[in-house]
Structures are given as structure tokens and as C-alpha cells.
Protein backbone atom coordinates (compact mmCIF):
# COMPACT_ATOMS: atom_id res chain seq x y z
CA UNK A 1 5.76 -61.60 -3.93
CA UNK A 2 5.15 -65.58 -3.26
CA UNK A 3 1.27 -64.67 -2.51
CA UNK A 4 1.28 -62.61 -6.09
CA UNK A 5 -0.83 -65.02 -8.52
CA UNK A 6 -0.65 -62.58 -11.73
CA UNK A 7 -3.12 -65.32 -13.91
CA UNK A 8 -5.29 -65.69 -10.92
CA UNK A 9 -5.99 -62.08 -11.13
CA UNK A 10 -6.12 -61.87 -14.71
CA UNK A 11 -8.71 -64.67 -14.62
CA UNK A 12 -11.00 -62.82 -12.26
CA UNK A 13 -10.71 -59.43 -14.78
CA UNK A 14 -11.80 -61.75 -17.62
CA UNK A 15 -14.54 -62.86 -15.99
CA UNK A 16 -15.41 -59.37 -14.41
CA UNK A 17 -14.97 -57.10 -17.11
CA UNK A 18 -16.00 -56.57 -20.87
CA UNK A 19 -14.70 -54.22 -22.84
CA UNK A 20 -16.12 -52.85 -26.03
CA UNK A 21 -15.54 -50.49 -28.89
CA UNK A 22 -17.25 -49.04 -31.70
CA UNK A 23 -15.75 -47.02 -34.66
CA UNK A 24 -18.61 -45.77 -35.82
CA UNK A 25 -19.64 -42.93 -32.83
CA UNK A 26 -15.78 -43.38 -31.26
CA UNK A 27 -16.97 -45.02 -28.01
CA UNK A 28 -15.54 -47.11 -25.75
CA UNK A 29 -17.80 -49.25 -23.12
CA UNK A 30 -16.57 -50.70 -19.75
CA UNK A 31 -19.15 -53.32 -18.87
CA UNK A 32 -19.12 -54.53 -15.30
CA UNK A 33 -20.20 -58.44 -15.51
CA UNK A 34 -19.48 -59.25 -11.89
CA UNK A 35 -20.72 -57.32 -9.30
CA UNK A 36 -17.94 -57.36 -6.38
CA UNK A 37 -15.69 -55.78 -8.77
CA UNK A 38 -16.43 -52.32 -7.26
CA UNK A 39 -15.09 -53.81 -3.95
CA UNK A 40 -11.79 -54.16 -5.68
CA UNK A 41 -9.71 -50.86 -4.84
CA UNK A 42 -7.68 -50.58 -8.16
CA UNK A 43 -10.45 -50.98 -10.61
CA UNK A 44 -13.00 -49.41 -8.62
CA UNK A 45 -11.51 -46.16 -7.98
CA UNK A 46 -11.27 -45.82 -11.72
CA UNK A 47 -14.96 -46.61 -12.04
CA UNK A 48 -16.39 -44.67 -10.02
CA UNK A 49 -17.76 -41.19 -11.38
CA UNK A 50 -17.29 -39.04 -14.33
CA UNK A 51 -14.77 -37.07 -12.77
CA UNK A 52 -12.36 -39.55 -11.52
CA UNK A 53 -12.43 -41.45 -14.94
CA UNK A 54 -11.54 -38.44 -16.61
CA UNK A 55 -8.59 -37.43 -14.28
CA UNK A 56 -7.68 -41.31 -14.84
CA UNK A 57 -7.65 -40.97 -18.48
CA UNK A 58 -5.64 -37.86 -18.18
CA UNK A 59 -3.11 -39.42 -15.86
CA UNK A 60 -2.91 -42.95 -17.30
CA UNK A 61 -3.31 -41.82 -21.44
CA UNK A 62 -2.73 -38.09 -21.73
CA UNK A 63 0.34 -37.38 -19.86
CA UNK A 64 -1.82 -35.29 -17.30
CA UNK A 65 -3.55 -33.35 -19.90
CA UNK A 66 -7.45 -32.98 -19.59
CA UNK A 67 -8.75 -35.77 -22.29
CA UNK A 68 -11.68 -34.24 -24.49
CA UNK A 69 -14.80 -36.96 -24.29
CA UNK A 70 -18.21 -37.61 -22.74
CA UNK A 71 -18.37 -39.93 -19.92
CA UNK A 72 -21.35 -41.68 -18.84
CA UNK A 73 -21.22 -43.86 -15.57
CA UNK A 74 -24.35 -45.94 -15.18
CA UNK A 75 -24.24 -47.66 -11.84
CA UNK A 76 -27.27 -49.30 -12.42
CA UNK A 77 -26.28 -51.12 -15.56
CA UNK A 78 -22.69 -51.04 -14.28
CA UNK A 79 -21.22 -49.84 -17.34
CA UNK A 80 -19.00 -46.63 -18.08
CA UNK A 81 -19.59 -45.26 -21.89
CA UNK A 82 -16.84 -43.22 -23.20
CA UNK A 83 -17.34 -40.96 -26.44
CA UNK A 84 -14.26 -39.39 -28.25
CA UNK A 85 -14.42 -36.86 -30.86
CA UNK A 86 -11.05 -37.77 -32.43
CA UNK A 87 -9.91 -41.31 -33.36
CA UNK A 88 -6.39 -40.95 -31.96
CA UNK A 89 -7.62 -40.57 -28.57
CA UNK A 90 -10.32 -43.23 -28.92
CA UNK A 91 -8.08 -45.86 -30.20
CA UNK A 92 -5.20 -44.93 -27.36
CA UNK A 93 -8.08 -45.15 -25.03
CA UNK A 94 -9.41 -48.49 -25.84
CA UNK A 95 -5.73 -49.99 -26.13
CA UNK A 96 -4.64 -48.32 -22.34
CA UNK A 97 -8.17 -50.65 -20.82
CA UNK A 98 -7.48 -53.58 -22.87
CA UNK A 99 -3.87 -53.50 -21.88
CA UNK A 100 -4.99 -52.64 -17.89
CA UNK A 101 -7.96 -55.15 -17.91
CA UNK A 102 -6.53 -58.07 -20.02
CA UNK A 103 -2.93 -57.02 -20.72
CA UNK A 104 0.12 -56.81 -18.43
CA UNK A 105 -0.39 -53.16 -17.34
CA UNK A 106 -1.92 -53.74 -13.93
CA UNK A 107 0.85 -56.47 -13.10
CA UNK A 108 3.59 -53.76 -14.02
CA UNK A 109 1.90 -51.57 -11.84
CA UNK A 110 1.36 -53.73 -9.00
CA UNK A 111 4.92 -55.17 -9.47
CA UNK A 112 6.09 -51.46 -9.06
CA UNK A 113 4.48 -50.59 -6.13
CA UNK A 114 5.86 -53.95 -4.13
CA UNK A 115 9.28 -52.90 -5.29
CA UNK A 116 8.89 -49.26 -4.25
CA UNK A 117 7.57 -50.90 -0.68
CA UNK A 118 10.54 -53.04 -0.65
CA UNK A 119 9.46 -56.43 0.83
CA UNK A 120 6.51 -54.98 2.96
CA UNK A 121 4.13 -57.39 1.14
CA UNK A 122 6.23 -60.27 1.63
């Protein structure tokens, strides 16, 4: 666990990802500012396709149930646009990604994985 520098990881995420929300059309936009972020498995897996994004949303914010939203993955301009029909799911999704990229969600996830593998990473 000594090799795990969370502040450094967080700093990279802040430089690599921009998160925008628009209440007028209930959209959340994830913009990839750094090109090499796709090489990061944890983030890259979420940002690959419409199908994978919908699976991630169902798993992380809706207790495994499908999330009703439009997903646009734009590989050329490096962004994902999510549009929702209901304000509650829009807000929940924004809060999740804000905590995921800029809060401690990812840290807790990594620590849980490290704990589950009991010292394998030390």
C-alpha cells in the first residue's frame, strides 16, 4: 500500500477529465482532456462504448437496473454525453461521476480491491 499515492492519482484525473452538467437538457458531459487516459484501465473501461457506459451506470448508480438515458460516445472529440429524462437520475449520475473522478470513490474502490487481495500489491 506504500506505493499507492492517491493525491497523485487525483491530480492526474483533474488534469485528464472535465465534467459538465446542463440542467436545461438534463445532460452530463464527460470530456477527456488528456489523450492517454484511455490507457488507464479503470477509467478507460467506463468510457469505451454506449453499451459499456449504460452497464456501468446501471451497476454503479441504479442497483443493477437499466438506466433510461441517451449515450453519445464521441471518440474523435473525446467526450461522452449522457442525456436523461428525469432530473433525479441526472443529478445522481452527475454526483457519481463527480465523486468518481474528483472525490474519493475511486480511492475507496482501489483500497477495497487491495484489501480483497490481501497484500498481493505490497
